[in-house]
Amino acid sequence: MGIGKLLLTSILTGVITLNELKWVAKNQIKLSRCELTTALMLCQMVDSVQLELGCII
C-alpha cells in the first residue's frame, strides 16, 4: 500500500478504515515530506468529516 493510493481510494469511497490509519501512523517515520503532506491531508479530511471512519466486514 502507498499513501497516494490510499488517498485516492479514500477520496473515491469517502471512507478510510482504522487499519489504514494505523498503517499511516506506523509508517510515518519512513514517509518523505511529500508523503507526510498527503498524510496530513487525510487527517484533515477525517477531522472535517469529508472522510468517514469505516471498518472491514
PDB file of N, CA and C in Angstrom:
ATOM      1  N   MET A   1       0.844  -1.164   0.000  1.00  0.00           N
ATOM      2  CA  MET A   1       0.000   0.000   0.000  1.00  0.00           C
ATOM      3  C   MET A   1       0.894   1.233   0.000  1.00  0.00           C
ATOM      4  N   GLY A   2       0.480   2.230  -0.718  1.00  0.00           N
ATOM      5  CA  GLY A   2       1.178   3.501  -0.731  1.00  0.00           C
ATOM      6  C   GLY A   2       0.242   4.605  -0.285  1.00  0.00           C
ATOM      7  N   ILE A   3       0.808   5.694   0.188  1.00  0.00           N
ATOM      8  CA  ILE A   3       0.000   6.789   0.707  1.00  0.00           C
ATOM      9  C   ILE A   3      -0.822   7.444  -0.407  1.00  0.00           C
ATOM     10  N   GLY A   4      -0.265   7.504  -1.616  1.00  0.00           N
ATOM     11  CA  GLY A   4      -1.001   8.087  -2.739  1.00  0.00           C
ATOM     12  C   GLY A   4      -2.219   7.255  -3.106  1.00  0.00           C
ATOM     13  N   LYS A   5      -2.023   5.942  -3.168  1.00  0.00           N
ATOM     14  CA  LYS A   5      -3.141   5.041  -3.474  1.00  0.00           C
ATOM     15  C   LYS A   5      -4.193   5.113  -2.372  1.00  0.00           C
ATOM     16  N   LEU A   6      -3.740   5.189  -1.133  1.00  0.00           N
ATOM     17  CA  LEU A   6      -4.657   5.295  -0.005  1.00  0.00           C
ATOM     18  C   LEU A   6      -5.478   6.574  -0.093  1.00  0.00           C
ATOM     19  N   LEU A   7      -4.838   7.691  -0.425  1.00  0.00           N
ATOM     20  CA  LEU A   7      -5.544   8.961  -0.567  1.00  0.00           C
ATOM     21  C   LEU A   7      -6.605   8.867  -1.660  1.00  0.00           C
ATOM     22  N   LEU A   8      -6.217   8.371  -2.817  1.00  0.00           N
ATOM     23  CA  LEU A   8      -7.163   8.294  -3.934  1.00  0.00           C
ATOM     24  C   LEU A   8      -8.325   7.358  -3.626  1.00  0.00           C
ATOM     25  N   THR A   9      -8.038   6.213  -3.015  1.00  0.00           N
ATOM     26  CA  THR A   9      -9.095   5.266  -2.661  1.00  0.00           C
ATOM     27  C   THR A   9     -10.036   5.869  -1.632  1.00  0.00           C
ATOM     28  N   SER A  10      -9.479   6.559  -0.661  1.00  0.00           N
ATOM     29  CA  SER A  10     -10.300   7.172   0.385  1.00  0.00           C
ATOM     30  C   SER A  10     -11.194   8.268  -0.176  1.00  0.00           C
ATOM     31  N   ILE A  11     -10.658   9.074  -1.070  1.00  0.00           N
ATOM     32  CA  ILE A  11     -11.460  10.129  -1.694  1.00  0.00           C
ATOM     33  C   ILE A  11     -12.569   9.511  -2.533  1.00  0.00           C
ATOM     34  N   LEU A  12     -12.244   8.475  -3.274  1.00  0.00           N
ATOM     35  CA  LEU A  12     -13.227   7.815  -4.140  1.00  0.00           C
ATOM     36  C   LEU A  12     -14.369   7.199  -3.336  1.00  0.00           C
ATOM     37  N   THR A  13     -14.029   6.518  -2.238  1.00  0.00           N
ATOM     38  CA  THR A  13     -15.055   5.827  -1.448  1.00  0.00           C
ATOM     39  C   THR A  13     -15.648   6.694  -0.345  1.00  0.00           C
ATOM     40  N   GLY A  14     -14.899   7.693   0.091  1.00  0.00           N
ATOM     41  CA  GLY A  14     -15.355   8.531   1.193  1.00  0.00           C
ATOM     42  C   GLY A  14     -15.135   7.895   2.550  1.00  0.00           C
ATOM     43  N   VAL A  15     -14.368   6.787   2.571  1.00  0.00           N
ATOM     44  CA  VAL A  15     -14.147   6.038   3.808  1.00  0.00           C
ATOM     45  C   VAL A  15     -12.670   5.690   3.950  1.00  0.00           C
ATOM     46  N   ILE A  16     -12.182   5.753   5.180  1.00  0.00           N
ATOM     47  CA  ILE A  16     -10.848   5.261   5.493  1.00  0.00           C
ATOM     48  C   ILE A  16     -10.991   4.340   6.703  1.00  0.00           C
ATOM     49  N   THR A  17     -10.359   3.189   6.646  1.00  0.00           N
ATOM     50  CA  THR A  17     -10.513   2.226   7.731  1.00  0.00           C
ATOM     51  C   THR A  17      -9.499   2.488   8.835  1.00  0.00           C
ATOM     52  N   LEU A  18      -9.773   1.930   9.991  1.00  0.00           N
ATOM     53  CA  LEU A  18      -8.843   2.075  11.113  1.00  0.00           C
ATOM     54  C   LEU A  18      -7.518   1.402  10.801  1.00  0.00           C
ATOM     55  N   ASN A  19      -7.552   0.279  10.086  1.00  0.00           N
ATOM     56  CA  ASN A  19      -6.310  -0.390   9.702  1.00  0.00           C
ATOM     57  C   ASN A  19      -5.457   0.506   8.803  1.00  0.00           C
ATOM     58  N   GLU A  20      -6.095   1.235   7.914  1.00  0.00           N
ATOM     59  CA  GLU A  20      -5.360   2.154   7.038  1.00  0.00           C
ATOM     60  C   GLU A  20      -4.753   3.300   7.838  1.00  0.00           C
ATOM     61  N   LEU A  21      -5.503   3.821   8.804  1.00  0.00           N
ATOM     62  CA  LEU A  21      -4.958   4.877   9.660  1.00  0.00           C
ATOM     63  C   LEU A  21      -3.799   4.364  10.506  1.00  0.00           C
ATOM     64  N   LYS A  22      -3.917   3.128  10.982  1.00  0.00           N
ATOM     65  CA  LYS A  22      -2.812   2.523  11.737  1.00  0.00           C
ATOM     66  C   LYS A  22      -1.582   2.380  10.860  1.00  0.00           C
ATOM     67  N   TRP A  23      -1.789   2.015   9.591  1.00  0.00           N
ATOM     68  CA  TRP A  23      -0.666   1.872   8.660  1.00  0.00           C
ATOM     69  C   TRP A  23       0.044   3.211   8.486  1.00  0.00           C
ATOM     70  N   VAL A  24      -0.732   4.278   8.331  1.00  0.00           N
ATOM     71  CA  VAL A  24      -0.137   5.616   8.176  1.00  0.00           C
ATOM     72  C   VAL A  24       0.670   5.976   9.424  1.00  0.00           C
ATOM     73  N   ALA A  25       0.086   5.749  10.600  1.00  0.00           N
ATOM     74  CA  ALA A  25       0.781   6.083  11.845  1.00  0.00           C
ATOM     75  C   ALA A  25       2.056   5.259  12.015  1.00  0.00           C
ATOM     76  N   LYS A  26       1.978   3.985  11.678  1.00  0.00           N
ATOM     77  CA  LYS A  26       3.127   3.086  11.837  1.00  0.00           C
ATOM     78  C   LYS A  26       4.273   3.455  10.896  1.00  0.00           C
ATOM     79  N   ASN A  27       3.939   3.951   9.713  1.00  0.00           N
ATOM     80  CA  ASN A  27       4.949   4.214   8.693  1.00  0.00           C
ATOM     81  C   ASN A  27       5.332   5.685   8.565  1.00  0.00           C
ATOM     82  N   GLN A  28       4.899   6.536   9.488  1.00  0.00           N
ATOM     83  CA  GLN A  28       5.204   7.967   9.424  1.00  0.00           C
ATOM     84  C   GLN A  28       6.691   8.230   9.272  1.00  0.00           C
ATOM     85  N   ILE A  29       7.489   7.522  10.027  1.00  0.00           N
ATOM     86  CA  ILE A  29       8.931   7.760  10.057  1.00  0.00           C
ATOM     87  C   ILE A  29       9.577   7.481   8.698  1.00  0.00           C
ATOM     88  N   LYS A  30       8.950   6.625   7.898  1.00  0.00           N
ATOM     89  CA  LYS A  30       9.506   6.233   6.608  1.00  0.00           C
ATOM     90  C   LYS A  30       9.025   7.125   5.453  1.00  0.00           C
ATOM     91  N   LEU A  31       8.051   7.991   5.712  1.00  0.00           N
ATOM     92  CA  LEU A  31       7.463   8.796   4.648  1.00  0.00           C
ATOM     93  C   LEU A  31       8.325  10.006   4.309  1.00  0.00           C
ATOM     94  N   SER A  32       8.315  10.351   3.032  1.00  0.00           N
ATOM     95  CA  SER A  32       9.008  11.568   2.595  1.00  0.00           C
ATOM     96  C   SER A  32       8.168  12.791   2.993  1.00  0.00           C
ATOM     97  N   ARG A  33       8.716  13.964   2.796  1.00  0.00           N
ATOM     98  CA  ARG A  33       7.970  15.191   3.120  1.00  0.00           C
ATOM     99  C   ARG A  33       6.687  15.290   2.308  1.00  0.00           C
ATOM    100  N   CYS A  34       6.755  14.919   1.046  1.00  0.00           N
ATOM    101  CA  CYS A  34       5.575  14.954   0.180  1.00  0.00           C
ATOM    102  C   CYS A  34       4.517  13.967   0.685  1.00  0.00           C
ATOM    103  N   GLU A  35       4.969  12.783   1.075  1.00  0.00           N
ATOM    104  CA  GLU A  35       4.039  11.774   1.585  1.00  0.00           C
ATOM    105  C   GLU A  35       3.459  12.199   2.937  1.00  0.00           C
ATOM    106  N   LEU A  36       4.246  12.868   3.764  1.00  0.00           N
ATOM    107  CA  LEU A  36       3.739  13.386   5.028  1.00  0.00           C
ATOM    108  C   LEU A  36       2.654  14.430   4.803  1.00  0.00           C
ATOM    109  N   THR A  37       2.836  15.251   3.783  1.00  0.00           N
ATOM    110  CA  THR A  37       1.815  16.238   3.428  1.00  0.00           C
ATOM    111  C   THR A  37       0.524  15.541   3.044  1.00  0.00           C
ATOM    112  N   THR A  38       0.639  14.450   2.292  1.00  0.00           N
ATOM    113  CA  THR A  38      -0.531  13.671   1.897  1.00  0.00           C
ATOM    114  C   THR A  38      -1.203  13.071   3.130  1.00  0.00           C
ATOM    115  N   ALA A  39      -0.415  12.567   4.067  1.00  0.00           N
ATOM    116  CA  ALA A  39      -0.964  12.011   5.305  1.00  0.00           C
ATOM    117  C   ALA A  39      -1.710  13.086   6.095  1.00  0.00           C
ATOM    118  N   LEU A  40      -1.165  14.292   6.138  1.00  0.00           N
ATOM    119  CA  LEU A  40      -1.836  15.394   6.825  1.00  0.00           C
ATOM    120  C   LEU A  40      -3.153  15.739   6.149  1.00  0.00           C
ATOM    121  N   MET A  41      -3.170  15.667   4.824  1.00  0.00           N
ATOM    122  CA  MET A  41      -4.418  15.909   4.081  1.00  0.00           C
ATOM    123  C   MET A  41      -5.475  14.894   4.488  1.00  0.00           C
ATOM    124  N   LEU A  42      -5.074  13.631   4.603  1.00  0.00           N
ATOM    125  CA  LEU A  42      -6.011  12.587   5.027  1.00  0.00           C
ATOM    126  C   LEU A  42      -6.571  12.896   6.412  1.00  0.00           C
ATOM    127  N   CYS A  43      -5.700  13.275   7.333  1.00  0.00           N
ATOM    128  CA  CYS A  43      -6.136  13.591   8.697  1.00  0.00           C
ATOM    129  C   CYS A  43      -7.094  14.778   8.717  1.00  0.00           C
ATOM    130  N   GLN A  44      -6.790  15.797   7.929  1.00  0.00           N
ATOM    131  CA  GLN A  44      -7.663  16.959   7.871  1.00  0.00           C
ATOM    132  C   GLN A  44      -9.020  16.599   7.277  1.00  0.00           C
ATOM    133  N   MET A  45      -9.029  15.689   6.319  1.00  0.00           N
ATOM    134  CA  MET A  45     -10.293  15.261   5.715  1.00  0.00           C
ATOM    135  C   MET A  45     -11.135  14.474   6.723  1.00  0.00           C
ATOM    136  N   VAL A  46     -10.491  13.682   7.566  1.00  0.00           N
ATOM    137  CA  VAL A  46     -11.211  12.959   8.620  1.00  0.00           C
ATOM    138  C   VAL A  46     -11.748  13.965   9.640  1.00  0.00           C
ATOM    139  N   ASP A  47     -10.918  14.925  10.047  1.00  0.00           N
ATOM    140  CA  ASP A  47     -11.332  15.935  11.028  1.00  0.00           C
ATOM    141  C   ASP A  47     -12.504  16.772  10.536  1.00  0.00           C
ATOM    142  N   SER A  48     -12.531  17.075   9.254  1.00  0.00           N
ATOM    143  CA  SER A  48     -13.598  17.907   8.701  1.00  0.00           C
ATOM    144  C   SER A  48     -14.778  17.072   8.188  1.00  0.00           C
ATOM    145  N   VAL A  49     -14.770  15.794   8.467  1.00  0.00           N
ATOM    146  CA  VAL A  49     -15.828  14.834   8.125  1.00  0.00           C
ATOM    147  C   VAL A  49     -16.035  14.708   6.610  1.00  0.00           C
ATOM    148  N   GLN A  50     -15.001  14.956   5.845  1.00  0.00           N
ATOM    149  CA  GLN A  50     -15.051  14.679   4.407  1.00  0.00           C
ATOM    150  C   GLN A  50     -14.813  13.194   4.166  1.00  0.00           C
ATOM    151  N   LEU A  51     -14.107  12.555   5.111  1.00  0.00           N
ATOM    152  CA  LEU A  51     -13.910  11.106   5.090  1.00  0.00           C
ATOM    153  C   LEU A  51     -14.492  10.536   6.371  1.00  0.00           C
ATOM    154  N   GLU A  52     -15.152   9.401   6.233  1.00  0.00           N
ATOM    155  CA  GLU A  52     -15.688   8.731   7.399  1.00  0.00           C
ATOM    156  C   GLU A  52     -14.800   7.558   7.778  1.00  0.00           C
ATOM    157  N   LEU A  53     -14.795   7.254   9.080  1.00  0.00           N
ATOM    158  CA  LEU A  53     -14.065   6.083   9.543  1.00  0.00           C
ATOM    159  C   LEU A  53     -14.932   4.857   9.287  1.00  0.00           C
ATOM    160  N   GLY A  54     -14.337   3.863   8.680  1.00  0.00           N
ATOM    161  CA  GLY A  54     -15.074   2.651   8.376  1.00  0.00           C
ATOM    162  C   GLY A  54     -14.383   1.441   8.947  1.00  0.00           C
ATOM    163  N   CYS A  55     -15.005   0.303   8.758  1.00  0.00           N
ATOM    164  CA  CYS A  55     -14.408  -0.953   9.200  1.00  0.00           C
ATOM    165  C   CYS A  55     -14.554  -1.973   8.097  1.00  0.00           C
ATOM    166  N   ILE A  56     -13.711  -2.981   8.167  1.00  0.00           N
ATOM    167  CA  ILE A  56     -13.767  -4.064   7.182  1.00  0.00           C
ATOM    168  C   ILE A  56     -14.675  -5.150   7.736  1.00  0.00           C
ATOM    169  N   ILE A  57     -15.653  -5.522   6.954  1.00  0.00           N
ATOM    170  CA  ILE A  57     -16.601  -6.554   7.390  1.00  0.00           C
ATOM    171  C   ILE A  57     -16.211  -7.880   6.780  1.00  0.00           C
TER     172      ILE A  57
END
